[in-house]
Amino acid sequence: MKRLTALGLSAAFAVAAVFSSFAVAPTDFMKKVPITVNAAAVGEKSATDLPVLVRLSESIDGFKYSDLASDGSDLAFGVDEGGVITVYPHEIDTWGTDGESLVWVKVPTVAAGTAFNAYYGNGVAVPSAATSVWGGYKAVWHMNEASGNAVDATGNGLNAVPTKNTGYSGDPLADMVGTDGLFGKARINATDAAQKRTFLSVPAYHMTDAGRFTISGWFRMTDPKTGYARLFSSKKKYNDAYGFEIECAQSSSTKVSPRGASQTAPSVTIPDLTADWVHLTFVYDSTTVYVYANGALAGSGSVAAPNEQYTLSIGSNSDGSEWSLYGKYDEVRLVDGADSADRVGIEYAAMADAGFLAMGSAERLDVTMPKFSSKSVTANATAGFDVSFVLAEGAGTLKTVLTDVADSQLSFEADFNGGEEISSAGDYSTTVTGMSVGHTYECAIVGESRNGTP
């Protein structure tokens, strides 16, 4: 019997991308979930540098909380550009491993078909500052606190302080507690037996940008009661010659009146605040106020420029001397500048529409090139070869293929590890039999990496 000659041993694998764009960088991630902005949700609108709400749960195909750090700290968002991730800032709003987690992600351009990825699963904390998510906003109050101040997420220090109406009998810090909201918690205006209430005061805020601003939030009214409930106000009285406020019509949950530095105010009809949560946005461009309800323009009118103002309040007038909102509010935002109609509409949809983002199936990323510390091919007594190697790192499903040099259509194969995935460093071997004596064969180790790359 002539000697069987093995002419070569090679491995055919593709290298997974190595990501290294962080200042303190993990080298790669276990998985990614592709995310795409749903064209039906935005139409032809677009917006830049807009935080969108990413909803994570195990209803996403292949997504498991067990693949992440327990607090989600090894989560990142961005796009792969030539093997390096361009990272998008994110803030975890609510982390719930037993259900849905909510994460705000600042996307450079939001339009139909915009695509990015969620990367996760390396056990290494990924740097991300909430203040980077909210650049461009003057203040953002998530209202997620159980009690106490509503913290400004922008880092501008405009924390909102629980305050009481004149004559309120309780302690606003203790009574003005978090309650179930649309996004984690909401803040409720507490009420005592005399129908006096609490509200949030923002003492550090002063209007800039020539009086142009955008203020928005989600509101739910428990009862319109008697009087004129304020949603926002920097006025002490409705006829003050300065300031700005949003006032509900008397005992009404369906009409609001935005008012500037006079008592004149247009009346705008909105969805019933007692029936469901309503998102309201008020855009003032220095002459006209535009009122948007659930992302759509509901009305507009001219109002006097706010000029000087008292302290801004949420849920009452500036000093609590007038009627407060009997209800709760969530995700309140303030911008020094007049937002466009497109931005208002997309910002609303990004929060309200659970289908705003299409979530793809989770994909494996954490497979490196298999590296062999040693390998061998030896003839055996059954007209074949024993093929073995020592795996140093990498993972995949492997087999050996011996091809007849004289006839490339003639080949013999055998699986390593019974065809099961090999993922641990160590010795592996297999046997090929039934080959033709006197022929020369080329031997290769081939297979697929864990994420399916050949």
Protein backbone atom coordinates (compact mmCIF):
# COMPACT_ATOMS: atom_id res chain seq x y z
CA MET A 1 0.00 0.00 0.00
CA LYS A 2 1.38 3.38 -0.96
CA ARG A 3 1.47 6.26 1.53
CA LEU A 4 -1.50 8.66 1.47
CA THR A 5 -0.21 12.25 1.33
CA ALA A 6 -1.95 15.24 2.93
CA LEU A 7 -0.91 18.30 0.95
CA GLY A 8 -2.47 21.06 3.10
CA LEU A 9 -4.58 22.04 6.04
CA SER A 10 -6.54 25.26 6.03
CA ALA A 11 -9.50 26.86 7.84
CA ALA A 12 -12.16 28.84 6.03
CA PHE A 13 -13.78 31.36 8.41
CA ALA A 14 -14.83 35.00 8.29
CA VAL A 15 -13.85 37.36 11.07
CA ALA A 16 -16.64 39.11 12.94
CA ALA A 17 -16.28 42.89 13.17
CA VAL A 18 -14.29 44.22 16.11
CA PHE A 19 -15.82 47.39 17.54
CA SER A 20 -13.53 49.92 19.19
CA SER A 21 -15.10 53.36 18.97
CA PHE A 22 -15.61 53.98 22.70
CA ALA A 23 -13.22 56.00 24.79
CA VAL A 24 -13.11 52.97 27.09
CA ALA A 25 -14.00 50.27 24.62
CA PRO A 26 -15.12 46.66 24.77
CA THR A 27 -13.63 44.83 21.83
CA ASP A 28 -16.90 43.38 20.61
CA PHE A 29 -20.47 42.48 21.55
CA MET A 30 -22.36 39.24 21.85
CA LYS A 31 -25.40 40.29 19.78
CA LYS A 32 -27.09 43.07 17.88
CA VAL A 33 -30.73 43.87 17.07
CA PRO A 34 -31.30 45.81 13.82
CA ILE A 35 -33.69 48.76 14.24
CA THR A 36 -35.43 50.65 11.43
CA VAL A 37 -37.70 53.71 11.48
CA ASN A 38 -41.08 52.64 10.10
CA ALA A 39 -41.90 54.61 6.95
CA ALA A 40 -45.62 54.52 7.76
CA ALA A 41 -44.98 56.27 11.08
CA VAL A 42 -43.13 59.30 9.66
CA GLY A 43 -44.23 59.61 6.03
CA GLU A 44 -42.12 62.29 4.34
CA LYS A 45 -41.24 64.07 7.58
CA SER A 46 -37.71 64.18 8.98
CA ALA A 47 -35.94 65.56 12.04
CA THR A 48 -32.33 65.81 13.17
CA ASP A 49 -30.75 64.94 16.51
CA LEU A 50 -34.01 63.56 17.86
CA PRO A 51 -34.26 61.16 20.83
CA VAL A 52 -36.47 58.21 19.90
CA LEU A 53 -37.91 55.65 22.30
CA VAL A 54 -36.53 52.12 21.89
CA ARG A 55 -38.70 49.45 23.52
CA LEU A 56 -36.80 46.29 24.46
CA SER A 57 -38.44 43.07 25.57
CA GLU A 58 -38.15 39.34 25.04
CA SER A 59 -40.93 39.56 22.45
CA ILE A 60 -38.12 40.58 20.07
CA ASP A 61 -36.94 37.46 18.25
CA GLY A 62 -33.76 36.18 19.88
CA PHE A 63 -33.50 38.96 22.48
CA LYS A 64 -32.89 37.71 26.02
CA TYR A 65 -32.21 39.83 29.10
CA SER A 66 -29.89 37.07 30.28
CA ASP A 67 -27.49 38.09 27.48
CA LEU A 68 -26.99 41.54 29.07
CA ALA A 69 -25.61 42.86 32.32
CA SER A 70 -28.35 42.90 34.96
CA ASP A 71 -28.68 46.71 34.75
CA GLY A 72 -28.29 46.99 30.96
CA SER A 73 -24.95 48.75 31.32
CA ASP A 74 -23.39 46.81 28.41
CA LEU A 75 -25.98 48.16 25.98
CA ALA A 76 -25.00 50.49 23.12
CA PHE A 77 -26.64 51.94 20.01
CA GLY A 78 -25.23 53.08 16.70
CA VAL A 79 -24.18 52.02 13.22
CA ASP A 80 -21.29 49.90 11.99
CA GLU A 81 -19.09 51.93 9.67
CA GLY A 82 -16.26 49.78 8.36
CA GLY A 83 -15.94 47.68 11.50
CA VAL A 84 -16.15 50.63 13.91
CA ILE A 85 -19.36 51.63 15.66
CA THR A 86 -20.46 55.25 15.45
CA VAL A 87 -22.14 55.42 18.83
CA TYR A 88 -25.48 57.16 19.43
CA PRO A 89 -25.98 58.54 22.96
CA HIS A 90 -28.67 56.79 24.99
CA GLU A 91 -30.39 57.01 28.35
CA ILE A 92 -32.16 54.13 30.06
CA ASP A 93 -35.50 55.49 31.20
CA THR A 94 -36.95 52.29 32.64
CA TRP A 95 -35.18 48.93 32.94
CA GLY A 96 -37.48 45.96 33.53
CA THR A 97 -36.05 42.50 32.96
CA ASP A 98 -39.46 40.97 33.64
CA GLY A 99 -41.13 42.95 30.84
CA GLU A 100 -40.45 46.02 28.73
CA SER A 101 -37.47 48.36 29.04
CA LEU A 102 -37.55 51.91 27.68
CA VAL A 103 -34.42 53.57 26.32
CA TRP A 104 -34.09 57.04 24.76
CA VAL A 105 -31.63 57.05 21.84
CA LYS A 106 -30.51 60.24 20.10
CA VAL A 107 -30.48 59.56 16.35
CA PRO A 108 -28.69 62.01 13.98
CA THR A 109 -31.41 61.91 11.32
CA VAL A 110 -34.86 60.42 11.83
CA ALA A 111 -36.72 59.71 8.59
CA ALA A 112 -38.42 56.81 6.82
CA GLY A 113 -36.00 53.88 6.66
CA THR A 114 -33.38 55.29 9.06
CA ALA A 115 -31.50 52.25 10.38
CA PHE A 116 -29.28 51.63 13.39
CA ASN A 117 -28.54 48.79 15.79
CA ALA A 118 -28.75 47.90 19.45
CA TYR A 119 -25.49 46.18 20.51
CA TYR A 120 -25.24 44.30 23.79
CA GLY A 121 -23.84 41.43 25.77
CA ASN A 122 -20.19 41.90 26.65
CA GLY A 123 -20.40 42.48 30.40
CA VAL A 124 -18.44 45.72 30.08
CA ALA A 125 -20.07 49.05 30.91
CA VAL A 126 -20.55 51.21 27.82
CA PRO A 127 -20.12 54.96 28.44
CA SER A 128 -23.30 56.96 27.78
CA ALA A 129 -24.33 60.25 29.33
CA ALA A 130 -28.00 61.19 29.51
CA THR A 131 -27.00 64.81 29.07
CA SER A 132 -25.70 63.96 25.57
CA VAL A 133 -29.09 62.55 24.61
CA TRP A 134 -30.86 65.81 25.46
CA GLY A 135 -28.48 68.36 23.95
CA GLY A 136 -30.63 71.02 22.28
CA TYR A 137 -33.29 70.89 25.02
CA LYS A 138 -33.42 73.47 27.77
CA ALA A 139 -34.98 71.00 30.21
CA VAL A 140 -36.42 67.47 30.18
CA TRP A 141 -38.36 66.06 33.12
CA HIS A 142 -39.03 62.30 32.89
CA MET A 143 -40.99 62.38 36.19
CA ASN A 144 -39.59 58.97 37.13
CA GLU A 145 -38.83 59.84 40.76
CA ALA A 146 -40.94 58.27 43.50
CA SER A 147 -41.09 61.65 45.25
CA GLY A 148 -39.06 64.83 45.71
CA ASN A 149 -37.65 66.99 42.92
CA ALA A 150 -38.30 66.10 39.29
CA VAL A 151 -34.74 65.97 37.95
CA ASP A 152 -33.80 67.76 34.74
CA ALA A 153 -32.18 65.12 32.48
CA THR A 154 -30.32 67.68 30.34
CA GLY A 155 -27.78 68.54 33.01
CA ASN A 156 -28.83 72.21 32.89
CA GLY A 157 -29.90 72.05 36.52
CA LEU A 158 -33.54 73.04 35.99
CA ASN A 159 -34.89 70.62 38.55
CA ALA A 160 -38.61 71.04 39.26
CA VAL A 161 -39.49 71.43 42.95
CA PRO A 162 -42.74 70.15 44.53
CA THR A 163 -44.61 73.24 45.75
CA LYS A 164 -48.04 73.83 47.26
CA ASN A 165 -51.00 76.08 46.49
CA THR A 166 -51.75 78.79 48.97
CA GLY A 167 -53.56 77.10 51.86
CA TYR A 168 -52.53 73.53 51.03
CA SER A 169 -52.50 71.61 54.30
CA GLY A 170 -49.94 68.90 53.53
CA ASP A 171 -46.26 68.57 52.73
CA PRO A 172 -45.72 68.73 48.91
CA LEU A 173 -42.39 66.90 49.11
CA ALA A 174 -44.11 63.94 50.77
CA ASP A 175 -47.47 64.15 49.02
CA MET A 176 -46.47 64.83 45.43
CA VAL A 177 -45.48 61.28 44.57
CA GLY A 178 -44.77 59.31 41.43
CA THR A 179 -47.62 57.28 39.97
CA ASP A 180 -48.12 55.04 36.96
CA GLY A 181 -47.25 56.94 33.80
CA LEU A 182 -46.83 56.31 30.11
CA PHE A 183 -43.06 55.99 30.43
CA GLY A 184 -42.23 54.60 33.83
CA LYS A 185 -43.66 56.99 36.40
CA ALA A 186 -45.64 60.21 36.11
CA ARG A 187 -46.05 62.99 38.66
CA ILE A 188 -49.41 63.63 40.30
CA ASN A 189 -50.68 66.91 41.69
CA ALA A 190 -51.73 65.94 45.24
CA THR A 191 -55.05 67.27 46.56
CA ASP A 192 -56.20 67.86 50.14
CA ALA A 193 -59.74 67.89 51.55
CA ALA A 194 -60.16 71.57 50.69
CA GLN A 195 -59.25 70.91 47.02
CA LYS A 196 -55.95 72.78 47.38
CA ARG A 197 -53.22 71.16 45.34
CA THR A 198 -49.51 70.86 44.68
CA PHE A 199 -47.50 71.63 41.53
CA LEU A 200 -43.92 71.70 40.27
CA SER A 201 -41.94 74.93 40.28
CA VAL A 202 -38.82 75.61 38.15
CA PRO A 203 -37.18 78.56 39.88
CA ALA A 204 -33.96 78.55 37.85
CA TYR A 205 -35.59 78.93 34.41
CA HIS A 206 -35.49 82.21 32.51
CA MET A 207 -36.83 82.49 28.99
CA THR A 208 -34.27 83.23 26.27
CA ASP A 209 -34.09 83.27 22.44
CA ALA A 210 -36.18 86.44 22.06
CA GLY A 211 -39.16 84.81 23.73
CA ARG A 212 -39.38 81.88 21.33
CA PHE A 213 -39.92 78.52 22.97
CA THR A 214 -41.49 75.07 22.69
CA ILE A 215 -42.97 73.34 25.72
CA SER A 216 -44.64 69.94 25.66
CA GLY A 217 -45.82 67.10 27.85
CA TRP A 218 -48.30 64.31 28.39
CA PHE A 219 -51.35 65.18 30.53
CA ARG A 220 -54.16 63.19 32.10
CA MET A 221 -56.87 65.02 34.04
CA THR A 222 -58.67 63.27 36.88
CA ASP A 223 -61.50 65.80 37.00
CA PRO A 224 -61.83 69.31 35.54
CA LYS A 225 -63.40 70.55 38.81
CA THR A 226 -64.43 74.21 39.07
CA GLY A 227 -62.03 76.86 37.86
CA TYR A 228 -59.32 77.30 35.27
CA ALA A 229 -56.63 74.66 35.64
CA ARG A 230 -53.15 75.65 34.48
CA LEU A 231 -50.90 73.20 32.63
CA PHE A 232 -47.89 75.56 32.44
CA SER A 233 -47.57 79.10 33.69
CA SER A 234 -45.09 81.90 34.40
CA LYS A 235 -47.92 84.29 35.36
CA LYS A 236 -49.50 84.93 38.75
CA LYS A 237 -52.77 86.19 37.29
CA TYR A 238 -54.35 85.73 33.91
CA ASN A 239 -54.20 89.47 33.12
CA ASP A 240 -50.58 90.06 34.13
CA ALA A 241 -48.72 92.18 31.55
CA TYR A 242 -45.90 89.67 31.37
CA GLY A 243 -45.28 85.94 31.37
CA PHE A 244 -46.96 83.06 29.54
CA GLU A 245 -49.38 80.32 30.50
CA ILE A 246 -51.53 77.49 29.20
CA GLU A 247 -54.91 77.55 30.88
CA CYS A 248 -57.82 75.12 30.56
CA ALA A 249 -61.23 76.71 30.00
CA GLN A 250 -63.44 76.89 33.07
CA SER A 251 -64.31 73.38 34.28
CA SER A 252 -63.18 72.04 30.89
CA SER A 253 -61.02 69.12 29.87
CA THR A 254 -61.31 69.78 26.12
CA LYS A 255 -60.31 73.42 25.62
CA VAL A 256 -57.07 75.25 26.34
CA SER A 257 -56.08 78.90 26.03
CA PRO A 258 -52.44 79.92 25.57
CA ARG A 259 -51.87 83.43 26.90
CA GLY A 260 -48.90 85.81 26.71
CA ALA A 261 -48.27 89.18 28.34
CA SER A 262 -51.96 90.15 28.35
CA GLN A 263 -55.30 88.52 29.09
CA THR A 264 -56.06 87.91 25.39
CA ALA A 265 -55.88 84.24 24.43
CA PRO A 266 -57.15 82.04 21.59
CA SER A 267 -59.31 79.07 22.55
CA VAL A 268 -58.25 75.70 21.11
CA THR A 269 -60.17 72.42 21.24
CA ILE A 270 -58.14 69.35 22.20
CA PRO A 271 -58.93 65.66 22.92
CA ASP A 272 -60.58 65.06 26.28
CA LEU A 273 -57.93 65.08 28.99
CA THR A 274 -60.12 62.95 31.26
CA ALA A 275 -60.56 60.17 28.66
CA ASP A 276 -56.89 59.31 28.08
CA TRP A 277 -53.38 60.66 28.09
CA VAL A 278 -52.98 63.55 25.63
CA HIS A 279 -49.68 64.89 24.33
CA LEU A 280 -49.73 68.67 24.06
CA THR A 281 -47.07 70.85 22.44
CA PHE A 282 -47.08 74.64 22.49
CA VAL A 283 -44.77 76.41 20.02
CA TYR A 284 -44.31 80.17 20.28
CA ASP A 285 -42.38 81.95 17.50
CA SER A 286 -42.44 85.44 19.12
CA THR A 287 -45.79 86.42 17.57
CA THR A 288 -47.98 83.31 17.20
CA VAL A 289 -48.58 80.31 19.42
CA TYR A 290 -49.27 76.95 17.74
CA VAL A 291 -51.07 74.28 19.73
CA TYR A 292 -50.47 70.64 18.77
CA ALA A 293 -52.49 67.77 20.23
CA ASN A 294 -51.08 64.26 19.75
CA GLY A 295 -48.69 65.54 17.09
CA ALA A 296 -51.26 67.34 14.94
CA LEU A 297 -51.95 71.08 14.78
CA ALA A 298 -55.12 71.79 16.77
CA GLY A 299 -55.13 75.59 16.52
CA SER A 300 -53.10 78.78 16.70
CA GLY A 301 -53.41 82.48 17.49
CA SER A 302 -51.51 85.67 18.17
CA VAL A 303 -50.48 86.38 21.75
CA ALA A 304 -48.46 89.16 23.33
CA ALA A 305 -44.74 88.47 23.76
CA PRO A 306 -44.06 87.06 27.26
CA ASN A 307 -41.32 89.60 28.10
CA GLU A 308 -40.41 89.33 31.77
CA GLN A 309 -41.96 86.50 33.74
CA TYR A 310 -42.40 84.95 37.14
CA THR A 311 -41.15 81.47 38.02
CA LEU A 312 -42.23 78.78 35.57
CA SER A 313 -44.63 76.23 37.07
CA ILE A 314 -45.94 72.90 35.80
CA GLY A 315 -49.51 72.07 36.81
CA SER A 316 -50.44 75.49 38.25
CA ASN A 317 -49.84 79.20 37.90
CA SER A 318 -46.50 80.65 39.00
CA ASP A 319 -47.17 81.00 42.72
CA GLY A 320 -50.02 78.52 43.14
CA SER A 321 -52.59 81.22 43.86
CA GLU A 322 -54.88 80.11 41.00
CA TRP A 323 -56.36 76.73 40.04
CA SER A 324 -53.99 73.79 39.63
CA LEU A 325 -54.42 70.78 37.40
CA TYR A 326 -56.32 67.97 39.11
CA GLY A 327 -54.42 65.11 37.49
CA LYS A 328 -50.96 64.00 36.45
CA TYR A 329 -48.30 64.62 33.81
CA ASP A 330 -45.34 62.80 32.24
CA GLU A 331 -42.32 63.45 30.00
CA VAL A 332 -42.34 67.25 30.00
CA ARG A 333 -39.84 69.00 27.71
CA LEU A 334 -38.75 72.59 27.18
CA VAL A 335 -36.83 74.05 24.22
CA ASP A 336 -35.50 77.59 23.79
CA GLY A 337 -36.69 77.94 20.20
CA ALA A 338 -39.71 77.27 17.99
CA ASP A 339 -39.82 73.65 16.81
CA SER A 340 -41.05 72.85 13.30
CA ALA A 341 -44.32 71.02 12.66
CA ASP A 342 -42.34 68.03 11.31
CA ARG A 343 -40.30 67.77 14.49
CA VAL A 344 -43.37 68.05 16.71
CA GLY A 345 -45.10 65.29 14.76
CA ILE A 346 -42.13 62.94 14.76
CA GLU A 347 -41.35 63.56 18.44
CA TYR A 348 -44.92 62.59 19.32
CA ALA A 349 -44.91 59.49 17.08
CA ALA A 350 -41.54 58.35 18.47
CA MET A 351 -43.14 58.20 21.93
CA ALA A 352 -46.74 57.20 21.21
CA ASP A 353 -46.44 54.68 18.38
CA ALA A 354 -45.15 51.30 19.56
CA GLY A 355 -44.54 50.46 15.88
CA PHE A 356 -42.48 53.60 15.20
CA LEU A 357 -39.37 51.42 15.21
CA ALA A 358 -39.28 48.02 13.51
CA MET A 359 -37.17 45.63 15.59
CA GLY A 360 -35.30 42.90 13.70
CA SER A 361 -34.16 39.53 15.01
CA ALA A 362 -31.14 39.37 17.31
CA GLU A 363 -27.93 38.35 15.53
CA ARG A 364 -24.78 36.80 17.03
CA LEU A 365 -21.60 38.87 16.77
CA ASP A 366 -19.20 37.42 19.31
CA VAL A 367 -17.42 34.85 17.13
CA THR A 368 -13.73 35.32 16.38
CA MET A 369 -11.54 33.56 13.81
CA PRO A 370 -10.82 29.99 15.00
CA LYS A 371 -7.15 29.74 15.86
CA PHE A 372 -5.33 26.40 16.04
CA SER A 373 -2.39 26.01 18.36
CA SER A 374 -1.53 22.68 16.63
CA LYS A 375 -2.97 20.38 13.98
CA SER A 376 -2.12 17.02 12.42
CA VAL A 377 -3.15 14.59 9.65
CA THR A 378 -2.02 10.97 9.88
CA ALA A 379 -2.82 7.85 7.84
CA ASN A 380 -4.82 5.17 9.61
CA ALA A 381 -5.25 1.44 9.04
CA THR A 382 -8.67 1.75 7.39
CA ALA A 383 -7.67 3.46 4.12
CA GLY A 384 -8.14 6.95 5.50
CA PHE A 385 -6.87 9.70 7.72
CA ASP A 386 -7.12 10.75 11.36
CA VAL A 387 -7.44 14.55 11.41
CA SER A 388 -7.00 16.46 14.67
CA PHE A 389 -6.38 19.97 15.94
CA VAL A 390 -6.18 21.96 19.16
CA LEU A 391 -8.58 24.92 19.18
CA ALA A 392 -7.17 28.00 20.92
CA GLU A 393 -10.20 30.26 20.46
CA GLY A 394 -13.27 30.81 18.29
CA ALA A 395 -16.51 28.89 17.84
CA GLY A 396 -18.46 27.17 15.11
CA THR A 397 -19.51 23.92 13.46
CA LEU A 398 -16.50 22.20 11.86
CA LYS A 399 -15.75 19.32 9.54
CA THR A 400 -12.78 18.04 7.57
CA VAL A 401 -12.91 17.63 3.79
CA LEU A 402 -10.35 15.54 1.88
CA THR A 403 -10.41 16.13 -1.87
CA ASP A 404 -8.72 13.91 -4.46
CA VAL A 405 -6.05 16.02 -6.16
CA ALA A 406 -6.50 14.14 -9.45
CA ASP A 407 -10.30 14.34 -9.35
CA SER A 408 -11.69 17.36 -7.49
CA GLN A 409 -15.21 15.90 -7.75
CA LEU A 410 -14.15 13.09 -5.45
CA SER A 411 -14.04 14.05 -1.78
CA PHE A 412 -14.57 12.57 1.67
CA GLU A 413 -15.96 14.37 4.73
CA ALA A 414 -16.24 13.84 8.47
CA ASP A 415 -17.67 16.07 11.21
CA PHE A 416 -15.83 17.15 14.32
CA ASN A 417 -17.71 16.83 17.61
CA GLY A 418 -20.50 14.88 15.98
CA GLY A 419 -21.58 17.93 14.00
CA GLU A 420 -22.28 19.93 17.17
CA GLU A 421 -20.86 23.41 17.76
CA ILE A 422 -17.29 23.61 19.02
CA SER A 423 -16.88 26.53 21.40
CA SER A 424 -14.35 25.49 24.02
CA ALA A 425 -10.60 25.48 23.61
CA GLY A 426 -9.21 21.93 23.51
CA ASP A 427 -8.37 18.85 21.41
CA TYR A 428 -10.69 17.70 18.64
CA SER A 429 -10.33 14.86 16.16
CA THR A 430 -12.24 12.87 13.56
CA THR A 431 -11.59 9.95 11.23
CA VAL A 432 -12.14 9.64 7.47
CA THR A 433 -12.23 6.14 5.96
CA GLY A 434 -12.94 4.33 2.68
CA MET A 435 -10.53 6.36 0.55
CA SER A 436 -8.67 5.09 -2.51
CA VAL A 437 -5.22 3.68 -1.88
CA GLY A 438 -2.47 5.35 -3.86
CA HIS A 439 -4.27 8.68 -4.34
CA THR A 440 -3.14 12.03 -2.99
CA TYR A 441 -5.66 14.20 -1.12
CA GLU A 442 -5.82 17.81 -0.07
CA CYS A 443 -7.19 18.22 3.45
CA ALA A 444 -9.07 21.27 4.76
CA ILE A 445 -11.02 22.16 7.90
CA VAL A 446 -14.15 24.15 7.00
CA GLY A 447 -17.43 25.13 8.63
CA GLU A 448 -19.62 27.98 9.79
CA SER A 449 -19.01 30.41 12.63
CA ARG A 450 -21.63 30.67 15.35
CA ASN A 451 -23.41 33.54 13.55
CA GLY A 452 -23.59 31.58 10.30
CA THR A 453 -20.61 33.06 8.45
CA PRO A 454 -18.82 30.39 6.32
